[in-house]
Amino acid sequence: MLINFFSSGVSSSVPLMKYLMGKDADGNERDPKPKVLFGDVQITAAFIDMNKNKQKYTSGVISFRDSENPTEKEMMAILKDFYSKFAPGMALERINLLAVLHEDKGNKEIHIVIPRLDLKTMKSFNIFIAYFFKIIIIFYLFFCPFFSILSTLSFFFLSLFFFLFFSFFFFFFFF
């Protein structure tokens, strides 16, 4: 499993939704057709288009190897774990999340789109976090669902350790 985030989206929702729900990057029809795993395409597009900020959405992909063939139930569990790690403590009512499954390249890919709006306050919300936390979370997301190596508490302490280590490293070498 590979998790990747793309540069923040600055365009309207039209090209994004065409890619997610329509043709691939080469203009070919997707076979099989994309499937919405979570969220609503029209609602997500509306939140992206109503956002007045420069960065309107964050998008990424969870891509599985050709040999990995998770069931829909397993993919939903991965999405739930993804949400709990990238938006800890945020109720699902506060963040709009769209997850679309693509299977046209021979493997399964879950494309994720999150408008950068907190739905309660309608203020900017950035789900993409600092680089070193990204490494920790990717490690945690990869190992936790399958091997149950880390608990939530150990994840917290590991994150704290890396934050303090990189803060000290930055301060020591640059000041």
C-alpha atoms as a PDB file:
ATOM      1  CA  MET A   1       0.000   0.000   0.000  1.00  0.00           C
ATOM      2  CA  LEU A   2       1.285   3.431  -0.939  1.00  0.00           C
ATOM      3  CA  ILE A   3      -0.151   6.716   0.311  1.00  0.00           C
ATOM      4  CA  ASN A   4       0.595   9.917  -1.564  1.00  0.00           C
ATOM      5  CA  PHE A   5      -0.666  13.472  -1.303  1.00  0.00           C
ATOM      6  CA  PHE A   6      -0.677  15.881  -4.221  1.00  0.00           C
ATOM      7  CA  SER A   7      -0.146  19.630  -4.263  1.00  0.00           C
ATOM      8  CA  SER A   8      -3.099  21.538  -2.908  1.00  0.00           C
ATOM      9  CA  GLY A   9      -5.775  22.055  -5.507  1.00  0.00           C
ATOM     10  CA  VAL A  10      -6.261  25.610  -6.657  1.00  0.00           C
ATOM     11  CA  SER A  11      -8.689  25.038  -9.531  1.00  0.00           C
ATOM     12  CA  SER A  12     -12.435  24.682  -9.565  1.00  0.00           C
ATOM     13  CA  SER A  13     -13.971  21.270  -9.003  1.00  0.00           C
ATOM     14  CA  VAL A  14     -14.725  20.637 -12.694  1.00  0.00           C
ATOM     15  CA  PRO A  15     -11.357  19.168 -13.856  1.00  0.00           C
ATOM     16  CA  LEU A  16     -10.972  17.216 -10.622  1.00  0.00           C
ATOM     17  CA  MET A  17     -14.411  15.614 -10.833  1.00  0.00           C
ATOM     18  CA  LYS A  18     -13.913  14.852 -14.537  1.00  0.00           C
ATOM     19  CA  TYR A  19     -10.760  12.927 -13.634  1.00  0.00           C
ATOM     20  CA  LEU A  20     -12.323  11.171 -10.643  1.00  0.00           C
ATOM     21  CA  MET A  21     -15.617  10.174 -12.208  1.00  0.00           C
ATOM     22  CA  GLY A  22     -14.989  10.304 -15.951  1.00  0.00           C
ATOM     23  CA  LYS A  23     -12.101   9.601 -18.255  1.00  0.00           C
ATOM     24  CA  ASP A  24      -8.510   8.894 -17.240  1.00  0.00           C
ATOM     25  CA  ALA A  25      -5.585  11.285 -17.848  1.00  0.00           C
ATOM     26  CA  ASP A  26      -5.190   9.964 -21.425  1.00  0.00           C
ATOM     27  CA  GLY A  27      -8.857  10.597 -22.272  1.00  0.00           C
ATOM     28  CA  ASN A  28      -9.882   6.933 -22.213  1.00  0.00           C
ATOM     29  CA  GLU A  29     -13.079   5.700 -20.582  1.00  0.00           C
ATOM     30  CA  ARG A  30     -12.410   3.900 -17.317  1.00  0.00           C
ATOM     31  CA  ASP A  31     -13.269   0.208 -17.231  1.00  0.00           C
ATOM     32  CA  PRO A  32     -14.594  -0.638 -14.697  1.00  0.00           C
ATOM     33  CA  LYS A  33     -16.252   2.670 -13.926  1.00  0.00           C
ATOM     34  CA  PRO A  34     -15.179   4.575 -10.784  1.00  0.00           C
ATOM     35  CA  LYS A  35     -17.100   3.773  -7.624  1.00  0.00           C
ATOM     36  CA  VAL A  36     -17.792   6.237  -4.804  1.00  0.00           C
ATOM     37  CA  LEU A  37     -16.796   4.537  -1.546  1.00  0.00           C
ATOM     38  CA  PHE A  38     -17.555   7.457   0.733  1.00  0.00           C
ATOM     39  CA  GLY A  39     -19.041  10.914   0.342  1.00  0.00           C
ATOM     40  CA  ASP A  40     -21.057  12.672  -2.341  1.00  0.00           C
ATOM     41  CA  VAL A  41     -19.561  14.022  -5.573  1.00  0.00           C
ATOM     42  CA  GLN A  42     -21.951  16.996  -5.925  1.00  0.00           C
ATOM     43  CA  ILE A  43     -21.615  18.107  -2.300  1.00  0.00           C
ATOM     44  CA  THR A  44     -17.803  17.899  -2.420  1.00  0.00           C
ATOM     45  CA  ALA A  45     -17.762  19.855  -5.706  1.00  0.00           C
ATOM     46  CA  ALA A  46     -20.014  22.530  -4.164  1.00  0.00           C
ATOM     47  CA  PHE A  47     -17.713  22.957  -1.134  1.00  0.00           C
ATOM     48  CA  ILE A  48     -14.648  23.211  -3.382  1.00  0.00           C
ATOM     49  CA  ASP A  49     -16.299  25.824  -5.611  1.00  0.00           C
ATOM     50  CA  MET A  50     -17.601  27.927  -2.709  1.00  0.00           C
ATOM     51  CA  ASN A  51     -14.145  28.113  -1.108  1.00  0.00           C
ATOM     52  CA  LYS A  52     -12.703  31.600  -1.663  1.00  0.00           C
ATOM     53  CA  ASN A  53      -9.171  30.671  -0.565  1.00  0.00           C
ATOM     54  CA  LYS A  54      -6.379  30.002  -3.052  1.00  0.00           C
ATOM     55  CA  GLN A  55      -5.946  26.355  -1.957  1.00  0.00           C
ATOM     56  CA  LYS A  56      -9.431  24.928  -2.340  1.00  0.00           C
ATOM     57  CA  TYR A  57      -8.867  21.239  -1.622  1.00  0.00           C
ATOM     58  CA  THR A  58      -6.335  18.594  -0.672  1.00  0.00           C
ATOM     59  CA  SER A  59      -6.196  15.355  -2.606  1.00  0.00           C
ATOM     60  CA  GLY A  60      -4.307  12.128  -2.379  1.00  0.00           C
ATOM     61  CA  VAL A  61      -4.386   8.459  -3.221  1.00  0.00           C
ATOM     62  CA  ILE A  62      -4.111   5.180  -1.373  1.00  0.00           C
ATOM     63  CA  SER A  63      -2.755   2.792  -3.961  1.00  0.00           C
ATOM     64  CA  PHE A  64      -2.584  -0.960  -3.500  1.00  0.00           C
ATOM     65  CA  ARG A  65      -0.058  -3.266  -5.161  1.00  0.00           C
ATOM     66  CA  ASP A  66      -1.263  -5.524  -7.944  1.00  0.00           C
ATOM     67  CA  SER A  67      -0.950  -8.456  -5.540  1.00  0.00           C
ATOM     68  CA  GLU A  68      -3.071  -6.713  -2.865  1.00  0.00           C
ATOM     69  CA  ASN A  69      -6.784  -7.151  -3.321  1.00  0.00           C
ATOM     70  CA  PRO A  70      -8.607  -5.688  -0.315  1.00  0.00           C
ATOM     71  CA  THR A  71     -12.344  -6.163   0.000  1.00  0.00           C
ATOM     72  CA  GLU A  72     -14.701  -3.208   0.186  1.00  0.00           C
ATOM     73  CA  LYS A  73     -15.042  -3.799   3.932  1.00  0.00           C
ATOM     74  CA  GLU A  74     -11.242  -3.680   4.374  1.00  0.00           C
ATOM     75  CA  MET A  75     -11.022  -0.510   2.259  1.00  0.00           C
ATOM     76  CA  MET A  76     -13.690   1.141   4.422  1.00  0.00           C
ATOM     77  CA  ALA A  77     -11.707   0.166   7.548  1.00  0.00           C
ATOM     78  CA  ILE A  78      -8.569   1.715   5.998  1.00  0.00           C
ATOM     79  CA  LEU A  79     -10.519   4.895   5.175  1.00  0.00           C
ATOM     80  CA  LYS A  80     -11.842   5.074   8.720  1.00  0.00           C
ATOM     81  CA  ASP A  81      -8.318   4.657  10.092  1.00  0.00           C
ATOM     82  CA  PHE A  82      -7.033   7.241   7.596  1.00  0.00           C
ATOM     83  CA  TYR A  83      -9.648   9.750   8.735  1.00  0.00           C
ATOM     84  CA  SER A  84      -8.950   9.163  12.429  1.00  0.00           C
ATOM     85  CA  LYS A  85      -5.208   9.785  11.902  1.00  0.00           C
ATOM     86  CA  PHE A  86      -5.390  12.783   9.579  1.00  0.00           C
ATOM     87  CA  ALA A  87      -8.227  14.541  11.387  1.00  0.00           C
ATOM     88  CA  PRO A  88      -7.939  13.397  14.995  1.00  0.00           C
ATOM     89  CA  GLY A  89     -10.720  14.649  17.215  1.00  0.00           C
ATOM     90  CA  MET A  90     -12.644  16.174  14.309  1.00  0.00           C
ATOM     91  CA  ALA A  91     -16.199  14.918  13.970  1.00  0.00           C
ATOM     92  CA  LEU A  92     -17.103  13.653  10.516  1.00  0.00           C
ATOM     93  CA  GLU A  93     -19.746  16.395  10.313  1.00  0.00           C
ATOM     94  CA  ARG A  94     -16.970  19.029  10.254  1.00  0.00           C
ATOM     95  CA  ILE A  95     -15.013  17.713   7.272  1.00  0.00           C
ATOM     96  CA  ASN A  96     -16.259  16.720   3.854  1.00  0.00           C
ATOM     97  CA  LEU A  97     -14.392  13.712   2.469  1.00  0.00           C
ATOM     98  CA  LEU A  98     -14.861  12.049  -0.902  1.00  0.00           C
ATOM     99  CA  ALA A  99     -13.290   8.647  -1.594  1.00  0.00           C
ATOM    100  CA  VAL A 100     -13.482   7.188  -5.111  1.00  0.00           C
ATOM    101  CA  LEU A 101     -12.246   3.731  -6.120  1.00  0.00           C
ATOM    102  CA  HIS A 102     -10.426   3.316  -9.454  1.00  0.00           C
ATOM    103  CA  GLU A 103      -9.643  -0.176 -10.721  1.00  0.00           C
ATOM    104  CA  ASP A 104      -8.870   0.564 -14.381  1.00  0.00           C
ATOM    105  CA  LYS A 105      -5.067   0.150 -14.163  1.00  0.00           C
ATOM    106  CA  GLY A 106      -5.120  -3.410 -12.864  1.00  0.00           C
ATOM    107  CA  ASN A 107      -4.807  -2.442  -9.219  1.00  0.00           C
ATOM    108  CA  LYS A 108      -7.077  -0.709  -6.725  1.00  0.00           C
ATOM    109  CA  GLU A 109      -6.620   2.995  -5.980  1.00  0.00           C
ATOM    110  CA  ILE A 110      -8.687   5.006  -3.532  1.00  0.00           C
ATOM    111  CA  HIS A 111      -8.605   8.673  -4.533  1.00  0.00           C
ATOM    112  CA  ILE A 112      -9.351  11.013  -1.642  1.00  0.00           C
ATOM    113  CA  VAL A 113     -10.518  14.621  -1.950  1.00  0.00           C
ATOM    114  CA  ILE A 114     -11.010  16.885   1.051  1.00  0.00           C
ATOM    115  CA  PRO A 115     -12.232  20.459   0.576  1.00  0.00           C
ATOM    116  CA  ARG A 116     -10.159  22.765   2.758  1.00  0.00           C
ATOM    117  CA  LEU A 117     -13.112  24.035   4.777  1.00  0.00           C
ATOM    118  CA  ASP A 118     -14.169  23.331   8.326  1.00  0.00           C
ATOM    119  CA  LEU A 119     -17.893  22.831   7.778  1.00  0.00           C
ATOM    120  CA  LYS A 120     -18.788  24.137  11.240  1.00  0.00           C
ATOM    121  CA  THR A 121     -16.910  27.458  11.022  1.00  0.00           C
ATOM    122  CA  MET A 122     -16.507  27.659   7.205  1.00  0.00           C
ATOM    123  CA  LYS A 123     -12.889  28.680   7.806  1.00  0.00           C
ATOM    124  CA  SER A 124      -9.865  27.211   6.088  1.00  0.00           C
ATOM    125  CA  PHE A 125      -8.858  23.763   7.288  1.00  0.00           C
ATOM    126  CA  ASN A 126      -5.668  22.004   6.213  1.00  0.00           C
ATOM    127  CA  ILE A 127      -5.651  18.241   6.619  1.00  0.00           C
ATOM    128  CA  PHE A 128      -2.135  17.885   5.175  1.00  0.00           C
ATOM    129  CA  ILE A 129       0.340  17.984   8.038  1.00  0.00           C
ATOM    130  CA  ALA A 130       4.071  18.525   8.513  1.00  0.00           C
ATOM    131  CA  TYR A 131       6.484  16.238   6.668  1.00  0.00           C
ATOM    132  CA  PHE A 132       7.860  14.295   9.623  1.00  0.00           C
ATOM    133  CA  PHE A 133       4.381  13.645  10.966  1.00  0.00           C
ATOM    134  CA  LYS A 134       3.453  12.420   7.489  1.00  0.00           C
ATOM    135  CA  ILE A 135       6.194   9.780   7.685  1.00  0.00           C
ATOM    136  CA  ILE A 136       4.990   8.585  11.075  1.00  0.00           C
ATOM    137  CA  ILE A 137       1.359   8.437  10.027  1.00  0.00           C
ATOM    138  CA  ILE A 138       2.130   6.558   6.813  1.00  0.00           C
ATOM    139  CA  PHE A 139       4.112   4.045   8.849  1.00  0.00           C
ATOM    140  CA  TYR A 140       1.258   3.740  11.309  1.00  0.00           C
ATOM    141  CA  LEU A 141      -1.420   3.447   8.635  1.00  0.00           C
ATOM    142  CA  PHE A 142       0.546   0.748   6.868  1.00  0.00           C
ATOM    143  CA  PHE A 143       1.313  -1.457   9.843  1.00  0.00           C
ATOM    144  CA  CYS A 144      -1.570  -0.919  12.254  1.00  0.00           C
ATOM    145  CA  PRO A 145      -4.508  -2.376  10.296  1.00  0.00           C
ATOM    146  CA  PHE A 146      -2.639  -5.509   9.306  1.00  0.00           C
ATOM    147  CA  PHE A 147      -0.228  -6.264  12.126  1.00  0.00           C
ATOM    148  CA  SER A 148      -1.569  -4.278  15.126  1.00  0.00           C
ATOM    149  CA  ILE A 149       1.962  -3.166  16.023  1.00  0.00           C
ATOM    150  CA  LEU A 150       1.201   0.275  17.409  1.00  0.00           C
ATOM    151  CA  SER A 151      -1.504   1.419  19.749  1.00  0.00           C
ATOM    152  CA  THR A 152      -2.911   4.927  19.692  1.00  0.00           C
ATOM    153  CA  LEU A 153      -0.903   5.817  22.783  1.00  0.00           C
ATOM    154  CA  SER A 154       2.383   4.602  21.320  1.00  0.00           C
ATOM    155  CA  PHE A 155       1.568   6.532  18.131  1.00  0.00           C
ATOM    156  CA  PHE A 156       1.175   9.689  20.218  1.00  0.00           C
ATOM    157  CA  PHE A 157       4.524   9.166  21.982  1.00  0.00           C
ATOM    158  CA  LEU A 158       6.288   8.307  18.733  1.00  0.00           C
ATOM    159  CA  SER A 159       4.913  11.496  17.157  1.00  0.00           C
ATOM    160  CA  LEU A 160       6.009  13.530  20.171  1.00  0.00           C
ATOM    161  CA  PHE A 161       9.510  12.005  20.032  1.00  0.00           C
ATOM    162  CA  PHE A 162       9.931  12.864  16.337  1.00  0.00           C
ATOM    163  CA  PHE A 163       8.603  16.382  16.889  1.00  0.00           C
ATOM    164  CA  LEU A 164      11.064  17.021  19.727  1.00  0.00           C
ATOM    165  CA  PHE A 165      13.938  15.354  17.851  1.00  0.00           C
ATOM    166  CA  PHE A 166      13.428  17.402  14.676  1.00  0.00           C
ATOM    167  CA  SER A 167      12.867  20.600  16.668  1.00  0.00           C
ATOM    168  CA  PHE A 168      16.145  20.069  18.519  1.00  0.00           C
ATOM    169  CA  PHE A 169      17.949  19.110  15.290  1.00  0.00           C
ATOM    170  CA  PHE A 170      16.650  22.228  13.513  1.00  0.00           C
ATOM    171  CA  PHE A 171      17.509  24.532  16.443  1.00  0.00           C
ATOM    172  CA  PHE A 172      20.965  22.997  17.029  1.00  0.00           C
ATOM    173  CA  PHE A 173      22.124  23.129  13.421  1.00  0.00           C
ATOM    174  CA  PHE A 174      20.505  26.326  12.201  1.00  0.00           C
ATOM    175  CA  PHE A 175      20.839  28.712  15.138  1.00  0.00           C
END
